Every structure is written in structure tokens, then in C-alpha cells.
PDB file of N, CA and C in Angstrom:
ATOM      1  N   MET A   1      -6.010  13.532  13.663  1.00  0.00           N
ATOM      2  CA  MET A   1      -6.356  12.382  12.855  1.00  0.00           C
ATOM      3  C   MET A   1      -6.166  12.740  11.384  1.00  0.00           C
ATOM      4  N   SER A   2      -5.370  11.979  10.686  1.00  0.00           N
ATOM      5  CA  SER A   2      -5.174  12.207   9.263  1.00  0.00           C
ATOM      6  C   SER A   2      -6.149  11.360   8.460  1.00  0.00           C
ATOM      7  N   LYS A   3      -6.425  11.801   7.249  1.00  0.00           N
ATOM      8  CA  LYS A   3      -7.362  11.107   6.380  1.00  0.00           C
ATOM      9  C   LYS A   3      -6.631   9.997   5.631  1.00  0.00           C
ATOM     10  N   LEU A   4      -7.283   8.855   5.468  1.00  0.00           N
ATOM     11  CA  LEU A   4      -6.686   7.745   4.740  1.00  0.00           C
ATOM     12  C   LEU A   4      -6.744   7.995   3.237  1.00  0.00           C
ATOM     13  N   THR A   5      -5.724   7.543   2.529  1.00  0.00           N
ATOM     14  CA  THR A   5      -5.740   7.619   1.075  1.00  0.00           C
ATOM     15  C   THR A   5      -6.616   6.485   0.546  1.00  0.00           C
ATOM     16  N   LYS A   6      -6.978   6.547  -0.732  1.00  0.00           N
ATOM     17  CA  LYS A   6      -7.816   5.502  -1.318  1.00  0.00           C
ATOM     18  C   LYS A   6      -7.149   4.135  -1.204  1.00  0.00           C
ATOM     19  N   ILE A   7      -5.861   4.068  -1.358  1.00  0.00           N
ATOM     20  CA  ILE A   7      -5.160   2.781  -1.270  1.00  0.00           C
ATOM     21  C   ILE A   7      -5.188   2.241   0.157  1.00  0.00           C
ATOM     22  N   GLU A   8      -5.279   3.120   1.139  1.00  0.00           N
ATOM     23  CA  GLU A   8      -5.324   2.696   2.540  1.00  0.00           C
ATOM     24  C   GLU A   8      -6.731   2.301   2.992  1.00  0.00           C
ATOM     25  N   ARG A   9      -7.743   2.711   2.235  1.00  0.00           N
ATOM     26  CA  ARG A   9      -9.132   2.382   2.588  1.00  0.00           C
ATOM     27  C   ARG A   9      -9.473   1.012   2.018  1.00  0.00           C
ATOM     28  N   ASP A  10      -9.058  -0.004   2.710  1.00  0.00           N
ATOM     29  CA  ASP A  10      -9.205  -1.359   2.206  1.00  0.00           C
ATOM     30  C   ASP A  10     -10.308  -2.128   2.917  1.00  0.00           C
ATOM     31  N   THR A  11     -10.558  -3.327   2.421  1.00  0.00           N
ATOM     32  CA  THR A  11     -11.491  -4.259   3.036  1.00  0.00           C
ATOM     33  C   THR A  11     -10.752  -5.576   3.214  1.00  0.00           C
ATOM     34  N   GLU A  12     -10.844  -6.119   4.409  1.00  0.00           N
ATOM     35  CA  GLU A  12     -10.221  -7.410   4.686  1.00  0.00           C
ATOM     36  C   GLU A  12     -11.303  -8.370   5.163  1.00  0.00           C
ATOM     37  N   ILE A  13     -11.267  -9.584   4.631  1.00  0.00           N
ATOM     38  CA  ILE A  13     -12.225 -10.616   5.019  1.00  0.00           C
ATOM     39  C   ILE A  13     -11.431 -11.772   5.594  1.00  0.00           C
ATOM     40  N   TYR A  14     -11.740 -12.125   6.828  1.00  0.00           N
ATOM     41  CA  TYR A  14     -11.065 -13.227   7.509  1.00  0.00           C
ATOM     42  C   TYR A  14     -12.019 -14.403   7.579  1.00  0.00           C
ATOM     43  N   TYR A  15     -11.609 -15.493   6.965  1.00  0.00           N
ATOM     44  CA  TYR A  15     -12.453 -16.673   6.865  1.00  0.00           C
ATOM     45  C   TYR A  15     -11.625 -17.902   7.212  1.00  0.00           C
ATOM     46  N   ASN A  16     -12.201 -18.796   7.983  1.00  0.00           N
ATOM     47  CA  ASN A  16     -11.548 -20.087   8.181  1.00  0.00           C
ATOM     48  C   ASN A  16     -12.607 -21.170   8.082  1.00  0.00           C
ATOM     49  N   GLN A  17     -12.203 -22.404   8.112  1.00  0.00           N
ATOM     50  CA  GLN A  17     -13.116 -23.520   7.871  1.00  0.00           C
ATOM     51  C   GLN A  17     -13.897 -23.941   9.118  1.00  0.00           C
ATOM     52  N   SER A  18     -13.668 -23.309  10.241  1.00  0.00           N
ATOM     53  CA  SER A  18     -14.429 -23.637  11.451  1.00  0.00           C
ATOM     54  C   SER A  18     -15.836 -23.052  11.352  1.00  0.00           C
ATOM     55  N   ASN A  19     -16.622 -23.260  12.362  1.00  0.00           N
ATOM     56  CA  ASN A  19     -17.977 -22.705  12.397  1.00  0.00           C
ATOM     57  C   ASN A  19     -17.998 -21.252  12.858  1.00  0.00           C
ATOM     58  N   ALA A  20     -16.865 -20.696  13.132  1.00  0.00           N
ATOM     59  CA  ALA A  20     -16.790 -19.308  13.588  1.00  0.00           C
ATOM     60  C   ALA A  20     -17.289 -18.374  12.484  1.00  0.00           C
ATOM     61  N   PRO A  21     -17.802 -17.195  12.855  1.00  0.00           N
ATOM     62  CA  PRO A  21     -18.261 -16.256  11.821  1.00  0.00           C
ATOM     63  C   PRO A  21     -17.081 -15.664  11.051  1.00  0.00           C
ATOM     64  N   MET A  22     -17.394 -15.127   9.893  1.00  0.00           N
ATOM     65  CA  MET A  22     -16.395 -14.389   9.115  1.00  0.00           C
ATOM     66  C   MET A  22     -16.181 -13.048   9.794  1.00  0.00           C
ATOM     67  N   LEU A  23     -14.996 -12.554   9.713  1.00  0.00           N
ATOM     68  CA  LEU A  23     -14.692 -11.222  10.226  1.00  0.00           C
ATOM     69  C   LEU A  23     -14.410 -10.329   9.026  1.00  0.00           C
ATOM     70  N   ILE A  24     -15.095  -9.203   8.981  1.00  0.00           N
ATOM     71  CA  ILE A  24     -14.912  -8.258   7.883  1.00  0.00           C
ATOM     72  C   ILE A  24     -14.530  -6.916   8.471  1.00  0.00           C
ATOM     73  N   ARG A  25     -13.382  -6.395   8.010  1.00  0.00           N
ATOM     74  CA  ARG A  25     -12.931  -5.056   8.400  1.00  0.00           C
ATOM     75  C   ARG A  25     -12.912  -4.239   7.125  1.00  0.00           C
ATOM     76  N   THR A  26     -13.627  -3.123   7.131  1.00  0.00           N
ATOM     77  CA  THR A  26     -13.730  -2.344   5.903  1.00  0.00           C
ATOM     78  C   THR A  26     -13.788  -0.842   6.167  1.00  0.00           C
ATOM     79  N   HIS A  27     -13.335  -0.096   5.167  1.00  0.00           N
ATOM     80  CA  HIS A  27     -13.481   1.368   5.144  1.00  0.00           C
ATOM     81  C   HIS A  27     -14.411   1.778   4.004  1.00  0.00           C
ATOM     82  N   ASP A  28     -14.997   0.799   3.302  1.00  0.00           N
ATOM     83  CA  ASP A  28     -15.871   1.050   2.158  1.00  0.00           C
ATOM     84  C   ASP A  28     -17.255   1.476   2.658  1.00  0.00           C
ATOM     85  N   PRO A  29     -17.641   2.746   2.437  1.00  0.00           N
ATOM     86  CA  PRO A  29     -18.918   3.243   2.965  1.00  0.00           C
ATOM     87  C   PRO A  29     -20.123   2.445   2.480  1.00  0.00           C
ATOM     88  N   LYS A  30     -20.120   2.011   1.231  1.00  0.00           N
ATOM     89  CA  LYS A  30     -21.242   1.247   0.688  1.00  0.00           C
ATOM     90  C   LYS A  30     -21.366  -0.098   1.405  1.00  0.00           C
ATOM     91  N   LEU A  31     -20.251  -0.784   1.598  1.00  0.00           N
ATOM     92  CA  LEU A  31     -20.269  -2.066   2.301  1.00  0.00           C
ATOM     93  C   LEU A  31     -20.641  -1.875   3.772  1.00  0.00           C
ATOM     94  N   ILE A  32     -20.164  -0.813   4.394  1.00  0.00           N
ATOM     95  CA  ILE A  32     -20.521  -0.534   5.794  1.00  0.00           C
ATOM     96  C   ILE A  32     -22.033  -0.338   5.913  1.00  0.00           C
ATOM     97  N   ARG A  33     -22.631   0.417   4.974  1.00  0.00           N
ATOM     98  CA  ARG A  33     -24.079   0.622   5.006  1.00  0.00           C
ATOM     99  C   ARG A  33     -24.827  -0.703   4.864  1.00  0.00           C
ATOM    100  N   LYS A  34     -24.407  -1.548   3.922  1.00  0.00           N
ATOM    101  CA  LYS A  34     -25.067  -2.840   3.725  1.00  0.00           C
ATOM    102  C   LYS A  34     -24.969  -3.705   4.974  1.00  0.00           C
ATOM    103  N   LEU A  35     -23.782  -3.769   5.565  1.00  0.00           N
ATOM    104  CA  LEU A  35     -23.596  -4.599   6.749  1.00  0.00           C
ATOM    105  C   LEU A  35     -24.333  -4.023   7.956  1.00  0.00           C
ATOM    106  N   THR A  36     -24.405  -2.711   8.064  1.00  0.00           N
ATOM    107  CA  THR A  36     -25.135  -2.077   9.167  1.00  0.00           C
ATOM    108  C   THR A  36     -26.622  -2.392   9.081  1.00  0.00           C
ATOM    109  N   VAL A  37     -27.183  -2.336   7.879  1.00  0.00           N
ATOM    110  CA  VAL A  37     -28.596  -2.683   7.690  1.00  0.00           C
ATOM    111  C   VAL A  37     -28.812  -4.162   8.010  1.00  0.00           C
ATOM    112  N   LEU A  38     -27.932  -5.023   7.537  1.00  0.00           N
ATOM    113  CA  LEU A  38     -28.040  -6.453   7.839  1.00  0.00           C
ATOM    114  C   LEU A  38     -27.984  -6.688   9.343  1.00  0.00           C
ATOM    115  N   ALA A  39     -27.076  -6.002  10.029  1.00  0.00           N
ATOM    116  CA  ALA A  39     -26.947  -6.154  11.483  1.00  0.00           C
ATOM    117  C   ALA A  39     -28.201  -5.655  12.212  1.00  0.00           C
ATOM    118  N   ALA A  40     -28.802  -4.590  11.725  1.00  0.00           N
ATOM    119  CA  ALA A  40     -30.017  -4.065  12.363  1.00  0.00           C
ATOM    120  C   ALA A  40     -31.198  -5.012  12.165  1.00  0.00           C
ATOM    121  N   ASP A  41     -31.305  -5.579  10.962  1.00  0.00           N
ATOM    122  CA  ASP A  41     -32.431  -6.457  10.647  1.00  0.00           C
ATOM    123  C   ASP A  41     -32.248  -7.881  11.163  1.00  0.00           C
ATOM    124  N   TYR A  42     -31.008  -8.352  11.197  1.00  0.00           N
ATOM    125  CA  TYR A  42     -30.715  -9.737  11.576  1.00  0.00           C
ATOM    126  C   TYR A  42     -29.523  -9.794  12.535  1.00  0.00           C
ATOM    127  N   PRO A  43     -29.690  -9.343  13.764  1.00  0.00           N
ATOM    128  CA  PRO A  43     -28.564  -9.298  14.696  1.00  0.00           C
ATOM    129  C   PRO A  43     -27.968 -10.674  15.010  1.00  0.00           C
ATOM    130  N   GLU A  44     -28.725 -11.731  14.758  1.00  0.00           N
ATOM    131  CA  GLU A  44     -28.188 -13.070  14.995  1.00  0.00           C
ATOM    132  C   GLU A  44     -27.236 -13.513  13.875  1.00  0.00           C
ATOM    133  N   LEU A  45     -27.246 -12.797  12.738  1.00  0.00           N
ATOM    134  CA  LEU A  45     -26.400 -13.152  11.602  1.00  0.00           C
ATOM    135  C   LEU A  45     -25.244 -12.182  11.365  1.00  0.00           C
ATOM    136  N   CYS A  46     -25.362 -10.970  11.870  1.00  0.00           N
ATOM    137  CA  CYS A  46     -24.336  -9.955  11.611  1.00  0.00           C
ATOM    138  C   CYS A  46     -24.318  -8.969  12.767  1.00  0.00           C
ATOM    139  N   ARG A  47     -23.113  -8.597  13.187  1.00  0.00           N
ATOM    140  CA  ARG A  47     -23.047  -7.574  14.231  1.00  0.00           C
ATOM    141  C   ARG A  47     -21.785  -6.734  14.062  1.00  0.00           C
ATOM    142  N   LEU A  48     -21.954  -5.455  14.313  1.00  0.00           N
ATOM    143  CA  LEU A  48     -20.843  -4.515  14.325  1.00  0.00           C
ATOM    144  C   LEU A  48     -20.097  -4.735  15.637  1.00  0.00           C
ATOM    145  N   THR A  49     -18.801  -4.988  15.560  1.00  0.00           N
ATOM    146  CA  THR A  49     -18.043  -5.237  16.784  1.00  0.00           C
ATOM    147  C   THR A  49     -17.172  -4.058  17.182  1.00  0.00           C
ATOM    148  N   GLU A  50     -16.806  -3.232  16.204  1.00  0.00           N
ATOM    149  CA  GLU A  50     -15.897  -2.122  16.517  1.00  0.00           C
ATOM    150  C   GLU A  50     -15.891  -1.130  15.360  1.00  0.00           C
ATOM    151  N   ALA A  51     -15.637   0.122  15.664  1.00  0.00           N
ATOM    152  CA  ALA A  51     -15.411   1.154  14.657  1.00  0.00           C
ATOM    153  C   ALA A  51     -14.138   1.885  15.053  1.00  0.00           C
ATOM    154  N   ASP A  52     -13.307   2.218  14.074  1.00  0.00           N
ATOM    155  CA  ASP A  52     -12.053   2.894  14.411  1.00  0.00           C
ATOM    156  C   ASP A  52     -12.091   4.374  14.050  1.00  0.00           C
ATOM    157  N   GLU A  53     -11.049   5.077  14.397  1.00  0.00           N
ATOM    158  CA  GLU A  53     -11.011   6.530  14.200  1.00  0.00           C
ATOM    159  C   GLU A  53     -10.865   6.948  12.749  1.00  0.00           C
ATOM    160  N   TYR A  54     -10.632   5.987  11.836  1.00  0.00           N
ATOM    161  CA  TYR A  54     -10.475   6.295  10.412  1.00  0.00           C
ATOM    162  C   TYR A  54     -11.697   5.883   9.604  1.00  0.00           C
ATOM    163  N   SER A  55     -12.859   5.809  10.229  1.00  0.00           N
ATOM    164  CA  SER A  55     -14.118   5.424   9.583  1.00  0.00           C
ATOM    165  C   SER A  55     -14.127   3.968   9.147  1.00  0.00           C
ATOM    166  N   GLY A  56     -13.319   3.146   9.765  1.00  0.00           N
ATOM    167  CA  GLY A  56     -13.335   1.715   9.492  1.00  0.00           C
ATOM    168  C   GLY A  56     -14.291   1.025  10.447  1.00  0.00           C
ATOM    169  N   SER A  57     -14.886  -0.049   9.995  1.00  0.00           N
ATOM    170  CA  SER A  57     -15.808  -0.807  10.829  1.00  0.00           C
ATOM    171  C   SER A  57     -15.463  -2.281  10.784  1.00  0.00           C
ATOM    172  N   TYR A  58     -15.700  -2.945  11.901  1.00  0.00           N
ATOM    173  CA  TYR A  58     -15.422  -4.367  12.039  1.00  0.00           C
ATOM    174  C   TYR A  58     -16.742  -5.089  12.276  1.00  0.00           C
ATOM    175  N   PHE A  59     -17.011  -6.110  11.487  1.00  0.00           N
ATOM    176  CA  PHE A  59     -18.244  -6.869  11.601  1.00  0.00           C
ATOM    177  C   PHE A  59     -17.936  -8.354  11.745  1.00  0.00           C
ATOM    178  N   GLU A  60     -18.778  -9.061  12.487  1.00  0.00           N
ATOM    179  CA  GLU A  60     -18.803 -10.513  12.494  1.00  0.00           C
ATOM    180  C   GLU A  60     -20.046 -10.902  11.710  1.00  0.00           C
ATOM    181  N   VAL A  61     -19.872 -11.744  10.697  1.00  0.00           N
ATOM    182  CA  VAL A  61     -20.975 -12.090   9.805  1.00  0.00           C
ATOM    183  C   VAL A  61     -21.052 -13.610   9.679  1.00  0.00           C
ATOM    184  N   ASP A  62     -22.269 -14.140   9.796  1.00  0.00           N
ATOM    185  CA  ASP A  62     -22.471 -15.570   9.595  1.00  0.00           C
ATOM    186  C   ASP A  62     -22.027 -15.940   8.174  1.00  0.00           C
ATOM    187  N   LYS A  63     -21.306 -17.035   8.051  1.00  0.00           N
ATOM    188  CA  LYS A  63     -20.756 -17.425   6.749  1.00  0.00           C
ATOM    189  C   LYS A  63     -21.826 -17.661   5.692  1.00  0.00           C
ATOM    190  N   SER A  64     -23.020 -18.028   6.117  1.00  0.00           N
ATOM    191  CA  SER A  64     -24.091 -18.288   5.146  1.00  0.00           C
ATOM    192  C   SER A  64     -24.565 -17.011   4.455  1.00  0.00           C
ATOM    193  N   ARG A  65     -24.169 -15.838   4.935  1.00  0.00           N
ATOM    194  CA  ARG A  65     -24.608 -14.559   4.376  1.00  0.00           C
ATOM    195  C   ARG A  65     -23.617 -13.949   3.414  1.00  0.00           C
ATOM    196  N   VAL A  66     -22.449 -14.557   3.244  1.00  0.00           N
ATOM    197  CA  VAL A  66     -21.407 -13.977   2.398  1.00  0.00           C
ATOM    198  C   VAL A  66     -21.077 -14.946   1.262  1.00  0.00           C
ATOM    199  N   SER A  67     -20.973 -14.409   0.070  1.00  0.00           N
ATOM    200  CA  SER A  67     -20.625 -15.206  -1.096  1.00  0.00           C
ATOM    201  C   SER A  67     -19.556 -14.468  -1.887  1.00  0.00           C
ATOM    202  N   ILE A  68     -18.578 -15.212  -2.359  1.00  0.00           N
ATOM    203  CA  ILE A  68     -17.551 -14.635  -3.237  1.00  0.00           C
ATOM    204  C   ILE A  68     -17.770 -15.246  -4.607  1.00  0.00           C
ATOM    205  N   HIS A  69     -17.992 -14.403  -5.574  1.00  0.00           N
ATOM    206  CA  HIS A  69     -18.351 -14.839  -6.917  1.00  0.00           C
ATOM    207  C   HIS A  69     -17.186 -14.537  -7.859  1.00  0.00           C
ATOM    208  N   VAL A  70     -16.619 -15.553  -8.462  1.00  0.00           N
ATOM    209  CA  VAL A  70     -15.504 -15.388  -9.394  1.00  0.00           C
ATOM    210  C   VAL A  70     -16.009 -15.772 -10.785  1.00  0.00           C
ATOM    211  N   THR A  71     -15.823 -14.872 -11.744  1.00  0.00           N
ATOM    212  CA  THR A  71     -16.308 -15.137 -13.095  1.00  0.00           C
ATOM    213  C   THR A  71     -15.180 -15.028 -14.110  1.00  0.00           C
ATOM    214  N   ARG A  72     -15.377 -15.710 -15.202  1.00  0.00           N
ATOM    215  CA  ARG A  72     -14.430 -15.600 -16.323  1.00  0.00           C
ATOM    216  C   ARG A  72     -14.764 -14.338 -17.112  1.00  0.00           C
ATOM    217  N   PRO A  73     -13.795 -13.793 -17.818  1.00  0.00           N
ATOM    218  CA  PRO A  73     -14.089 -12.601 -18.629  1.00  0.00           C
ATOM    219  C   PRO A  73     -15.044 -12.956 -19.781  1.00  0.00           C
ATOM    220  N   TYR A  74     -15.863 -11.980 -20.176  1.00  0.00           N
ATOM    221  CA  TYR A  74     -16.765 -12.184 -21.309  1.00  0.00           C
ATOM    222  C   TYR A  74     -15.966 -12.228 -22.602  1.00  0.00           C
ATOM    223  N   SER A  75     -16.438 -13.019 -23.570  1.00  0.00           N
ATOM    224  CA  SER A  75     -15.820 -13.043 -24.891  1.00  0.00           C
ATOM    225  C   SER A  75     -16.124 -11.724 -25.592  1.00  0.00           C
ATOM    226  N   GLU A  76     -15.318 -11.394 -26.566  1.00  0.00           N
ATOM    227  CA  GLU A  76     -15.542 -10.163 -27.320  1.00  0.00           C
ATOM    228  C   GLU A  76     -16.900 -10.212 -28.019  1.00  0.00           C
ATOM    229  N   GLU A  77     -17.274 -11.377 -28.495  1.00  0.00           N
ATOM    230  CA  GLU A  77     -18.574 -11.540 -29.152  1.00  0.00           C
ATOM    231  C   GLU A  77     -19.714 -11.229 -28.189  1.00  0.00           C
ATOM    232  N   ARG A  78     -19.629 -11.744 -26.969  1.00  0.00           N
ATOM    233  CA  ARG A  78     -20.681 -11.487 -25.980  1.00  0.00           C
ATOM    234  C   ARG A  78     -20.717 -10.011 -25.607  1.00  0.00           C
ATOM    235  N   ARG A  79     -19.550  -9.391 -25.443  1.00  0.00           N
ATOM    236  CA  ARG A  79     -19.501  -7.969 -25.116  1.00  0.00           C
ATOM    237  C   ARG A  79     -20.174  -7.132 -26.203  1.00  0.00           C
ATOM    238  N   GLN A  80     -19.915  -7.483 -27.469  1.00  0.00           N
ATOM    239  CA  GLN A  80     -20.515  -6.747 -28.580  1.00  0.00           C
ATOM    240  C   GLN A  80     -22.031  -6.939 -28.616  1.00  0.00           C
ATOM    241  N   ARG A  81     -22.505  -8.183 -28.372  1.00  0.00           N
ATOM    242  CA  ARG A  81     -23.946  -8.444 -28.335  1.00  0.00           C
ATOM    243  C   ARG A  81     -24.613  -7.626 -27.226  1.00  0.00           C
ATOM    244  N   GLN A  82     -24.002  -7.604 -26.055  1.00  0.00           N
ATOM    245  CA  GLN A  82     -24.575  -6.853 -24.940  1.00  0.00           C
ATOM    246  C   GLN A  82     -24.550  -5.355 -25.215  1.00  0.00           C
ATOM    247  N   SER A  83     -23.476  -4.887 -25.822  1.00  0.00           N
ATOM    248  CA  SER A  83     -23.385  -3.469 -26.162  1.00  0.00           C
ATOM    249  C   SER A  83     -24.474  -3.087 -27.156  1.00  0.00           C
ATOM    250  N   GLN A  84     -24.682  -3.917 -28.166  1.00  0.00           N
ATOM    251  CA  GLN A  84     -25.715  -3.646 -29.165  1.00  0.00           C
ATOM    252  C   GLN A  84     -27.101  -3.661 -28.524  1.00  0.00           C
ATOM    253  N   TRP A  85     -27.359  -4.631 -27.650  1.00  0.00           N
ATOM    254  CA  TRP A  85     -28.654  -4.715 -26.964  1.00  0.00           C
ATOM    255  C   TRP A  85     -28.887  -3.451 -26.128  1.00  0.00           C
ATOM    256  N   ALA A  86     -27.836  -3.004 -25.411  1.00  0.00           N
ATOM    257  CA  ALA A  86     -27.966  -1.811 -24.569  1.00  0.00           C
ATOM    258  C   ALA A  86     -28.280  -0.582 -25.416  1.00  0.00           C
ATOM    259  N   LYS A  87     -27.614  -0.452 -26.553  1.00  0.00           N
ATOM    260  CA  LYS A  87     -27.871   0.696 -27.437  1.00  0.00           C
ATOM    261  C   LYS A  87     -29.297   0.666 -27.971  1.00  0.00           C
ATOM    262  N   GLU A  88     -29.764  -0.508 -28.354  1.00  0.00           N
ATOM    263  CA  GLU A  88     -31.116  -0.645 -28.891  1.00  0.00           C
ATOM    264  C   GLU A  88     -32.185  -0.387 -27.829  1.00  0.00           C
ATOM    265  N   ASN A  89     -31.846  -0.584 -26.563  1.00  0.00           N
ATOM    266  CA  ASN A  89     -32.814  -0.418 -25.477  1.00  0.00           C
ATOM    267  C   ASN A  89     -32.595   0.855 -24.675  1.00  0.00           C
ATOM    268  N   GLY A  90     -31.824   1.767 -25.240  1.00  0.00           N
ATOM    269  CA  GLY A  90     -31.650   3.078 -24.610  1.00  0.00           C
ATOM    270  C   GLY A  90     -30.786   3.087 -23.371  1.00  0.00           C
ATOM    271  N   LEU A  91     -29.922   2.111 -23.226  1.00  0.00           N
ATOM    272  CA  LEU A  91     -29.026   2.071 -22.067  1.00  0.00           C
ATOM    273  C   LEU A  91     -27.635   2.488 -22.514  1.00  0.00           C
ATOM    274  N   SER A  92     -26.978   3.241 -21.648  1.00  0.00           N
ATOM    275  CA  SER A  92     -25.638   3.702 -21.971  1.00  0.00           C
ATOM    276  C   SER A  92     -24.793   3.656 -20.712  1.00  0.00           C
ATOM    277  N   GLY A  93     -23.562   3.229 -20.828  1.00  0.00           N
ATOM    278  CA  GLY A  93     -22.670   3.128 -19.687  1.00  0.00           C
ATOM    279  C   GLY A  93     -22.296   4.468 -19.073  1.00  0.00           C
ATOM    280  N   ASP A  94     -22.457   5.570 -19.801  1.00  0.00           N
ATOM    281  CA  ASP A  94     -22.071   6.874 -19.250  1.00  0.00           C
ATOM    282  C   ASP A  94     -23.237   7.619 -18.620  1.00  0.00           C
ATOM    283  N   GLN A  95     -24.421   7.003 -18.552  1.00  0.00           N
ATOM    284  CA  GLN A  95     -25.543   7.638 -17.866  1.00  0.00           C
ATOM    285  C   GLN A  95     -25.472   7.305 -16.385  1.00  0.00           C
ATOM    286  N   LYS A  96     -25.831   8.280 -15.547  1.00  0.00           N
ATOM    287  CA  LYS A  96     -25.857   8.053 -14.099  1.00  0.00           C
ATOM    288  C   LYS A  96     -27.280   7.754 -13.684  1.00  0.00           C
ATOM    289  N   LYS A  97     -27.406   6.865 -12.691  1.00  0.00           N
ATOM    290  CA  LYS A  97     -28.736   6.506 -12.181  1.00  0.00           C
ATOM    291  C   LYS A  97     -29.238   7.554 -11.242  1.00  0.00           C
TER     292      LYS A  97
END
């Protein structure tokens, strides 16, 4: 078994307008953890259907649990205001949590 490159470790979301659940295939460990917890807590809304040999997982997820959020870019003025606020409140983008 060979290891997948970062470009090969993708996430695919299959959605249609029927009442069928969304199908999500992913190699993203963070997303797999979130979906696994959701499936354990709410098996009627999310379930793991398959895992492959490359650490990919396939989930069926109720459409009411998934949201795609598209935003416009921030204006330069807003970015500067947020940057100034972060500096004044001791927050820095290069600090790790």
C-alpha cells in the first residue's frame, strides 16, 4: 500500500435535490473525526458506510446536518480593523493554540 500525496487526499461531497442523504468521501482526518463523533451520537443522521485502504472514509449524512458557507472577501479596511483589535487584545496569527 502506497501513501497518498496531499493532492490525492481529497474530500468529495455528493449532493442531489432528492431526499436521499449526502454522501461524503474524505481523507481529511479532522473531518473524519467530526463525522465519526456525529455518527456515534446521532446514528439516525450520519453513518460510516465504508473505509478504504488509504485512510479514506465514506459517510452518509442527513442533508440538514451539512452547510456550505460562501463568503465575500473582507475589505482592506475591515482586515486592518480586525488586525488592530487582535493586537490590542493580545491575539496573534502566529501563536498556536
